Amino acid sequence: MRHPTRLELLTSGSRNTLLSLETSMDIIEDIWDALLHAVEKRSPPPRTSIDLLAAL
């Protein structure tokens, strides 16, 4: 079973499904922002992938 596209959800009138998809993406964006700020606060900034992994 394939997942419906955003256009299919909009035209079907199934607003609850669309809202749940958007809400789940907000969580991912919040986590990404928190990780980005944690890395930006480091002094000096991580220069290698190993330093970046340690910062996260």
N, C-alpha and C. Protein backbone atom coordinates (compact mmCIF):
# COMPACT_ATOMS: atom_id res chain seq x y z
N MET A 1 0.84 -1.18 0.00
CA MET A 1 0.00 0.00 0.00
C MET A 1 0.89 1.24 0.00
N ARG A 2 0.66 2.12 -0.94
CA ARG A 2 1.48 3.32 -1.01
C ARG A 2 0.84 4.43 -0.17
N HIS A 3 1.68 5.35 0.26
CA HIS A 3 1.20 6.48 1.06
C HIS A 3 0.65 7.56 0.14
N PRO A 4 -0.41 8.24 0.56
CA PRO A 4 -0.97 9.30 -0.27
C PRO A 4 -0.05 10.52 -0.30
N THR A 5 -0.09 11.21 -1.41
CA THR A 5 0.68 12.45 -1.52
C THR A 5 -0.09 13.58 -0.85
N ARG A 6 0.59 14.68 -0.65
CA ARG A 6 -0.05 15.85 -0.03
C ARG A 6 -1.22 16.33 -0.88
N LEU A 7 -1.05 16.33 -2.20
CA LEU A 7 -2.13 16.78 -3.08
C LEU A 7 -3.35 15.87 -2.94
N GLU A 8 -3.12 14.56 -2.87
CA GLU A 8 -4.23 13.62 -2.69
C GLU A 8 -4.95 13.86 -1.36
N LEU A 9 -4.18 14.14 -0.32
CA LEU A 9 -4.80 14.40 0.98
C LEU A 9 -5.62 15.69 0.97
N LEU A 10 -5.09 16.71 0.29
CA LEU A 10 -5.82 17.98 0.23
C LEU A 10 -7.12 17.85 -0.55
N THR A 11 -7.09 17.12 -1.65
CA THR A 11 -8.29 16.98 -2.47
C THR A 11 -9.29 16.01 -1.88
N SER A 12 -8.85 15.09 -1.03
CA SER A 12 -9.78 14.12 -0.44
C SER A 12 -10.55 14.71 0.74
N GLY A 13 -10.07 15.81 1.30
CA GLY A 13 -10.74 16.41 2.44
C GLY A 13 -10.37 15.75 3.75
N SER A 14 -9.37 14.90 3.75
CA SER A 14 -8.94 14.21 4.96
C SER A 14 -7.95 15.08 5.72
N ARG A 15 -8.44 16.08 6.40
CA ARG A 15 -7.59 17.07 7.07
C ARG A 15 -6.86 16.48 8.27
N ASN A 16 -7.45 15.55 8.99
CA ASN A 16 -6.80 14.97 10.16
C ASN A 16 -5.51 14.26 9.79
N THR A 17 -5.51 13.53 8.70
CA THR A 17 -4.30 12.83 8.27
C THR A 17 -3.22 13.83 7.90
N LEU A 18 -3.59 14.88 7.19
CA LEU A 18 -2.62 15.89 6.79
C LEU A 18 -2.03 16.59 8.01
N LEU A 19 -2.84 16.91 8.99
CA LEU A 19 -2.33 17.56 10.20
C LEU A 19 -1.38 16.65 10.96
N SER A 20 -1.66 15.36 11.01
CA SER A 20 -0.77 14.45 11.73
C SER A 20 0.57 14.34 11.02
N LEU A 21 0.57 14.39 9.70
CA LEU A 21 1.84 14.35 8.96
C LEU A 21 2.65 15.61 9.24
N GLU A 22 2.00 16.77 9.25
CA GLU A 22 2.71 18.02 9.50
C GLU A 22 3.23 18.08 10.93
N THR A 23 2.49 17.56 11.88
CA THR A 23 2.91 17.57 13.27
C THR A 23 4.14 16.70 13.47
N SER A 24 4.18 15.55 12.81
CA SER A 24 5.34 14.67 12.96
C SER A 24 6.59 15.32 12.37
N MET A 25 6.45 16.11 11.34
CA MET A 25 7.60 16.80 10.76
C MET A 25 8.08 17.92 11.68
N ASP A 26 7.17 18.54 12.42
CA ASP A 26 7.57 19.59 13.36
C ASP A 26 8.51 19.03 14.42
N ILE A 27 8.26 17.82 14.87
CA ILE A 27 9.12 17.20 15.88
C ILE A 27 10.53 17.02 15.33
N ILE A 28 10.63 16.56 14.10
CA ILE A 28 11.94 16.35 13.48
C ILE A 28 12.67 17.69 13.34
N GLU A 29 11.95 18.72 12.94
CA GLU A 29 12.57 20.04 12.80
C GLU A 29 13.04 20.58 14.15
N ASP A 30 12.28 20.33 15.21
CA ASP A 30 12.69 20.77 16.55
C ASP A 30 13.97 20.06 16.99
N ILE A 31 14.05 18.77 16.73
CA ILE A 31 15.25 18.01 17.09
C ILE A 31 16.44 18.51 16.29
N TRP A 32 16.24 18.75 14.99
CA TRP A 32 17.33 19.24 14.14
C TRP A 32 17.82 20.59 14.65
N ASP A 33 16.91 21.49 15.01
CA ASP A 33 17.30 22.80 15.53
C ASP A 33 18.10 22.68 16.82
N ALA A 34 17.68 21.78 17.71
CA ALA A 34 18.39 21.59 18.97
C ALA A 34 19.80 21.08 18.73
N LEU A 35 19.95 20.14 17.81
CA LEU A 35 21.28 19.62 17.48
C LEU A 35 22.15 20.71 16.85
N LEU A 36 21.57 21.49 15.97
CA LEU A 36 22.31 22.56 15.31
C LEU A 36 22.81 23.58 16.33
N HIS A 37 21.96 23.98 17.26
CA HIS A 37 22.37 24.95 18.28
C HIS A 37 23.43 24.38 19.21
N ALA A 38 23.34 23.08 19.50
CA ALA A 38 24.35 22.45 20.37
C ALA A 38 25.72 22.49 19.70
N VAL A 39 25.75 22.26 18.39
CA VAL A 39 27.02 22.29 17.66
C VAL A 39 27.52 23.72 17.52
N GLU A 40 26.62 24.67 17.25
CA GLU A 40 27.03 26.07 17.08
C GLU A 40 27.62 26.67 18.35
N LYS A 41 27.19 26.19 19.52
CA LYS A 41 27.66 26.74 20.79
C LYS A 41 29.08 26.30 21.12
N ARG A 42 29.56 25.27 20.47
CA ARG A 42 30.89 24.76 20.80
C ARG A 42 31.96 25.74 20.35
N SER A 43 33.00 25.85 21.16
CA SER A 43 34.11 26.73 20.82
C SER A 43 35.41 25.97 21.07
N PRO A 44 36.20 25.74 20.11
CA PRO A 44 36.04 26.03 18.68
C PRO A 44 35.03 25.08 18.03
N PRO A 45 34.51 25.46 16.87
CA PRO A 45 33.54 24.60 16.20
C PRO A 45 34.20 23.29 15.75
N PRO A 46 33.43 22.22 15.66
CA PRO A 46 34.00 20.94 15.23
C PRO A 46 34.56 21.04 13.81
N ARG A 47 35.77 20.50 13.62
CA ARG A 47 36.42 20.57 12.31
C ARG A 47 36.41 19.24 11.58
N THR A 48 36.29 18.15 12.30
CA THR A 48 36.28 16.83 11.67
C THR A 48 34.98 16.12 12.00
N SER A 49 34.71 15.03 11.29
CA SER A 49 33.49 14.27 11.56
C SER A 49 33.52 13.66 12.96
N ILE A 50 34.70 13.33 13.45
CA ILE A 50 34.82 12.77 14.80
C ILE A 50 34.49 13.84 15.84
N ASP A 51 34.96 15.07 15.62
CA ASP A 51 34.62 16.18 16.52
C ASP A 51 33.12 16.46 16.50
N LEU A 52 32.52 16.39 15.32
CA LEU A 52 31.09 16.63 15.19
C LEU A 52 30.30 15.55 15.93
N LEU A 53 30.71 14.31 15.80
CA LEU A 53 30.04 13.21 16.50
C LEU A 53 30.15 13.40 18.01
N ALA A 54 31.30 13.84 18.48
CA ALA A 54 31.48 14.08 19.92
C ALA A 54 30.59 15.23 20.40
N ALA A 55 30.39 16.24 19.55
CA ALA A 55 29.56 17.38 19.92
C ALA A 55 28.09 17.00 20.04
N LEU A 56 27.68 16.06 19.21
CA LEU A 56 26.27 15.65 19.24
C LEU A 56 26.04 14.72 20.40
